[in-house]
Amino acid sequence: MKKLFLQLLPLMGIIVLFSCKGNSKSNQTTESQALVQELDAKDEITKWKQELLDAKQIGQPCTGDLASWSNQNPNQENGLPADENAYGSQKADVNGDGKQDLLIYFMSENCSGHNGGTPTYARLVYSDGDSYKINDALTTEVKNAILAEYNKLKESDKTFKSVSNNFLDETTTITGYENGVKGAYSLYAEDDAHCCPSYSGTYVYDVNSKSITIDNKVNGK
């Protein structure tokens, strides 16, 4: 009996070892799931809005009194939307690690009576191991990618005009996530009036590869 016990002892150790590893893996999975569940869109939007205000990247919501708003928000032209429904959010596994990331975005509002439109703001909160990181440069990435992709199209079709980044800040929107960040844009040729951009289209932007697909349309045709 003792001899049999000694023979079985290594096997019992292996079973215990794999059991511990299984429990450890299960605990890690639970912790990862809990991490994802902690990412609440409403809380993230609230925190982000305050960070934008503190950094003076945008003003408070419009008040209807242009002079008063300008005094309270010096050097600002646009403000946060007052309507909470104006803030968009969407969860998706953006970086392919099996965890839900969060895209939040909104279009700012003209509080100073300036000419033209207003820019869209966006933030991507994405998982990185057991923590989250933030990408606040998403709109800049998208705009640069749109211009680069248009210039590729222009090389293959000489009828396309040279365009500038004029008004691209205010015409590029983000509307959600579907196989990439998606939205719309308008591009202005150098002699276009503000009312009438030569080109408009929609795009899908891959955050990981920094690549973009655009559906470019010639306006007026």
Protein backbone atom coordinates (compact mmCIF):
# COMPACT_ATOMS: atom_id res chain seq x y z
CA MET A 1 0.00 0.00 0.00
CA LYS A 2 2.80 2.36 0.94
CA LYS A 3 4.59 1.55 -2.31
CA LEU A 4 1.40 2.32 -4.29
CA PHE A 5 0.98 5.62 -2.47
CA LEU A 6 4.55 6.61 -3.33
CA GLN A 7 3.93 5.76 -6.98
CA LEU A 8 0.77 7.87 -7.08
CA LEU A 9 2.29 10.86 -5.25
CA PRO A 10 3.87 12.53 -8.36
CA LEU A 11 0.58 12.14 -10.24
CA MET A 12 -1.30 13.81 -7.39
CA GLY A 13 1.15 16.72 -7.49
CA ILE A 14 0.56 17.23 -11.21
CA ILE A 15 -3.22 17.24 -10.69
CA VAL A 16 -2.92 19.85 -7.92
CA LEU A 17 -0.61 21.98 -10.08
CA PHE A 18 -3.00 22.04 -13.05
CA SER A 19 -5.91 22.71 -10.73
CA CYS A 20 -4.13 25.76 -9.33
CA LYS A 21 -3.31 27.00 -12.83
CA GLY A 22 -6.93 26.57 -13.85
CA ASN A 23 -8.12 28.53 -10.84
CA SER A 24 -5.54 31.24 -11.53
CA LYS A 25 -6.69 31.52 -15.16
CA SER A 26 -10.31 31.66 -14.04
CA ASN A 27 -9.49 34.42 -11.56
CA GLN A 28 -7.65 36.39 -14.26
CA THR A 29 -10.65 36.09 -16.59
CA THR A 30 -12.99 37.27 -13.84
CA GLU A 31 -10.72 40.22 -13.09
CA SER A 32 -10.61 41.15 -16.79
CA GLN A 33 -14.40 40.97 -17.05
CA ALA A 34 -14.74 43.10 -13.93
CA LEU A 35 -12.32 45.60 -15.46
CA VAL A 36 -14.48 45.94 -18.56
CA GLN A 37 -17.65 46.29 -16.51
CA GLU A 38 -16.10 49.22 -14.63
CA LEU A 39 -15.96 51.24 -17.87
CA ASP A 40 -19.19 53.22 -17.70
CA ALA A 41 -19.94 55.51 -20.65
CA LYS A 42 -21.79 58.14 -18.63
CA ASP A 43 -19.01 58.38 -16.04
CA GLU A 44 -16.33 58.54 -18.73
CA ILE A 45 -18.16 61.35 -20.57
CA THR A 46 -18.58 63.34 -17.35
CA LYS A 47 -14.88 62.99 -16.53
CA TRP A 48 -13.85 63.87 -20.08
CA LYS A 49 -15.99 67.01 -20.19
CA GLN A 50 -14.38 68.31 -17.01
CA GLU A 51 -10.90 67.55 -18.37
CA LEU A 52 -11.67 69.52 -21.54
CA LEU A 53 -12.88 72.49 -19.49
CA ASP A 54 -9.87 72.37 -17.16
CA ALA A 55 -7.52 72.29 -20.14
CA LYS A 56 -9.44 75.21 -21.69
CA GLN A 57 -9.99 73.25 -24.89
CA ILE A 58 -13.67 74.21 -24.96
CA GLY A 59 -16.11 76.47 -23.14
CA GLN A 60 -19.10 75.84 -20.93
CA PRO A 61 -22.48 75.19 -22.60
CA CYS A 62 -24.00 78.16 -24.42
CA THR A 63 -26.18 80.50 -22.39
CA GLY A 64 -27.94 82.45 -25.13
CA ASP A 65 -26.17 85.65 -24.09
CA LEU A 66 -23.12 85.92 -26.37
CA ALA A 67 -21.40 88.71 -24.44
CA SER A 68 -21.90 87.07 -21.07
CA TRP A 69 -20.76 83.67 -22.33
CA SER A 70 -17.64 85.17 -23.91
CA ASN A 71 -16.75 86.94 -20.65
CA GLN A 72 -17.14 83.69 -18.71
CA ASN A 73 -15.24 81.66 -21.32
CA PRO A 74 -12.37 83.86 -22.54
CA ASN A 75 -10.60 82.87 -25.76
CA GLN A 76 -13.27 80.27 -26.53
CA GLU A 77 -15.66 80.14 -29.46
CA ASN A 78 -17.44 76.84 -28.92
CA GLY A 79 -19.02 75.17 -25.94
CA LEU A 80 -20.05 71.79 -24.64
CA PRO A 81 -23.56 70.65 -25.61
CA ALA A 82 -26.09 71.24 -22.84
CA ASP A 83 -28.21 68.31 -24.02
CA GLU A 84 -26.86 65.02 -22.66
CA ASN A 85 -28.35 63.25 -25.69
CA ALA A 86 -25.84 65.10 -27.88
CA TYR A 87 -23.03 62.91 -26.52
CA GLY A 88 -22.52 59.65 -28.37
CA SER A 89 -20.90 56.49 -27.07
CA GLN A 90 -20.28 53.00 -28.36
CA LYS A 91 -18.53 49.98 -26.94
CA ALA A 92 -16.55 47.67 -29.20
CA ASP A 93 -13.45 45.52 -29.13
CA VAL A 94 -11.36 48.02 -31.06
CA ASN A 95 -7.91 46.46 -30.55
CA GLY A 96 -8.97 42.82 -30.81
CA ASP A 97 -7.96 41.71 -27.31
CA GLY A 98 -11.40 40.37 -26.39
CA LYS A 99 -12.26 43.32 -24.13
CA GLN A 100 -14.77 46.06 -24.77
CA ASP A 101 -13.27 49.50 -25.47
CA LEU A 102 -15.25 52.73 -25.41
CA LEU A 103 -15.64 55.43 -28.07
CA ILE A 104 -17.21 58.70 -26.88
CA TYR A 105 -17.81 61.76 -29.06
CA PHE A 106 -19.83 64.95 -29.53
CA MET A 107 -20.13 67.96 -31.81
CA SER A 108 -19.39 71.23 -30.05
CA GLU A 109 -21.80 74.15 -30.24
CA ASN A 110 -21.28 77.69 -31.52
CA CYS A 111 -21.61 79.89 -28.44
CA SER A 112 -19.92 83.05 -29.77
CA GLY A 113 -21.75 83.64 -33.04
CA HIS A 114 -18.71 82.98 -35.24
CA ASN A 115 -19.00 82.06 -38.89
CA GLY A 116 -18.78 78.44 -39.98
CA GLY A 117 -19.36 75.15 -38.24
CA THR A 118 -18.01 73.60 -35.08
CA PRO A 119 -15.55 70.74 -34.54
CA THR A 120 -16.31 67.24 -33.33
CA TYR A 121 -14.49 65.98 -30.24
CA ALA A 122 -13.75 62.31 -29.65
CA ARG A 123 -12.00 60.09 -27.13
CA LEU A 124 -11.18 56.41 -27.35
CA VAL A 125 -10.74 54.55 -24.07
CA TYR A 126 -9.09 51.23 -24.88
CA SER A 127 -7.88 48.26 -22.87
CA ASP A 128 -4.17 47.62 -22.44
CA GLY A 129 -3.59 44.52 -20.37
CA ASP A 130 -5.30 45.05 -17.02
CA SER A 131 -5.72 48.80 -17.43
CA TYR A 132 -7.13 51.33 -19.86
CA LYS A 133 -5.39 53.95 -21.97
CA ILE A 134 -6.82 57.03 -23.66
CA ASN A 135 -6.51 58.31 -27.22
CA ASP A 136 -7.54 61.96 -27.47
CA ALA A 137 -5.92 62.43 -30.88
CA LEU A 138 -8.53 60.39 -32.73
CA THR A 139 -10.10 63.25 -34.70
CA THR A 140 -6.65 64.47 -35.77
CA GLU A 141 -5.74 60.95 -36.90
CA VAL A 142 -8.96 60.70 -38.91
CA LYS A 143 -8.50 64.09 -40.61
CA ASN A 144 -4.90 63.33 -41.57
CA ALA A 145 -5.94 59.93 -42.92
CA ILE A 146 -8.75 61.47 -45.00
CA LEU A 147 -6.36 63.95 -46.63
CA ALA A 148 -3.76 61.26 -47.29
CA GLU A 149 -6.31 58.89 -48.83
CA TYR A 150 -7.81 61.65 -50.99
CA ASN A 151 -4.36 62.54 -52.31
CA LYS A 152 -3.90 58.89 -53.30
CA LEU A 153 -7.15 59.07 -55.26
CA LYS A 154 -6.00 62.31 -56.86
CA GLU A 155 -2.81 60.64 -58.11
CA SER A 156 -4.86 58.08 -60.01
CA ASP A 157 -7.51 60.55 -61.24
CA LYS A 158 -6.11 63.84 -62.48
CA THR A 159 -9.59 65.41 -62.62
CA PHE A 160 -9.58 65.67 -58.83
CA LYS A 161 -8.67 69.13 -57.57
CA SER A 162 -6.01 70.01 -55.04
CA VAL A 163 -7.64 70.43 -51.64
CA SER A 164 -6.63 72.07 -48.40
CA ASN A 165 -7.40 71.31 -44.79
CA ASN A 166 -9.52 74.46 -44.61
CA PHE A 167 -12.69 73.79 -42.63
CA LEU A 168 -11.79 70.12 -42.19
CA ASP A 169 -11.97 70.59 -38.41
CA GLU A 170 -15.62 71.59 -38.62
CA THR A 171 -16.75 69.27 -41.41
CA THR A 172 -15.29 65.99 -40.12
CA THR A 173 -17.74 64.15 -37.91
CA ILE A 174 -17.65 60.93 -35.91
CA THR A 175 -20.90 59.01 -35.75
CA GLY A 176 -19.99 55.66 -34.19
CA TYR A 177 -18.07 52.44 -34.66
CA GLU A 178 -18.75 49.69 -37.18
CA ASN A 179 -15.69 47.73 -38.31
CA GLY A 180 -13.84 50.95 -37.51
CA VAL A 181 -14.55 54.52 -36.47
CA LYS A 182 -17.06 55.95 -38.94
CA GLY A 183 -18.27 59.39 -39.91
CA ALA A 184 -18.45 61.97 -42.67
CA TYR A 185 -16.33 64.78 -44.09
CA SER A 186 -16.15 67.56 -46.67
CA LEU A 187 -13.09 68.69 -48.60
CA TYR A 188 -12.56 72.16 -50.04
CA ALA A 189 -10.61 72.99 -53.15
CA GLU A 190 -8.47 76.08 -52.80
CA ASP A 191 -10.99 78.29 -54.62
CA ASP A 192 -14.16 76.89 -52.99
CA ALA A 193 -16.51 79.22 -51.14
CA HIS A 194 -17.34 78.22 -47.57
CA CYS A 195 -20.84 77.24 -48.65
CA CYS A 196 -19.77 74.86 -51.31
CA PRO A 197 -17.08 72.21 -50.79
CA SER A 198 -16.04 70.35 -53.93
CA TYR A 199 -16.12 66.94 -52.26
CA SER A 200 -18.00 65.17 -49.49
CA GLY A 201 -18.03 61.60 -48.34
CA THR A 202 -18.07 59.05 -45.58
CA TYR A 203 -15.21 57.08 -44.08
CA VAL A 204 -14.31 54.09 -41.94
CA TYR A 205 -11.06 54.42 -39.98
CA ASP A 206 -9.10 51.47 -38.58
CA VAL A 207 -7.54 52.63 -35.32
CA ASN A 208 -4.99 49.81 -35.18
CA SER A 209 -3.56 50.02 -38.71
CA LYS A 210 -4.19 53.78 -39.03
CA SER A 211 -5.73 53.04 -42.43
CA ILE A 212 -8.92 54.54 -43.80
CA THR A 213 -11.52 53.81 -46.46
CA ILE A 214 -13.33 56.81 -47.92
CA ASP A 215 -16.38 57.00 -50.17
CA ASN A 216 -15.60 60.29 -51.90
CA LYS A 217 -18.31 62.10 -53.87
CA VAL A 218 -18.00 65.08 -56.20
CA ASN A 219 -20.56 67.63 -55.08
CA GLY A 220 -22.90 69.00 -57.71
CA LYS A 221 -22.85 65.85 -59.82
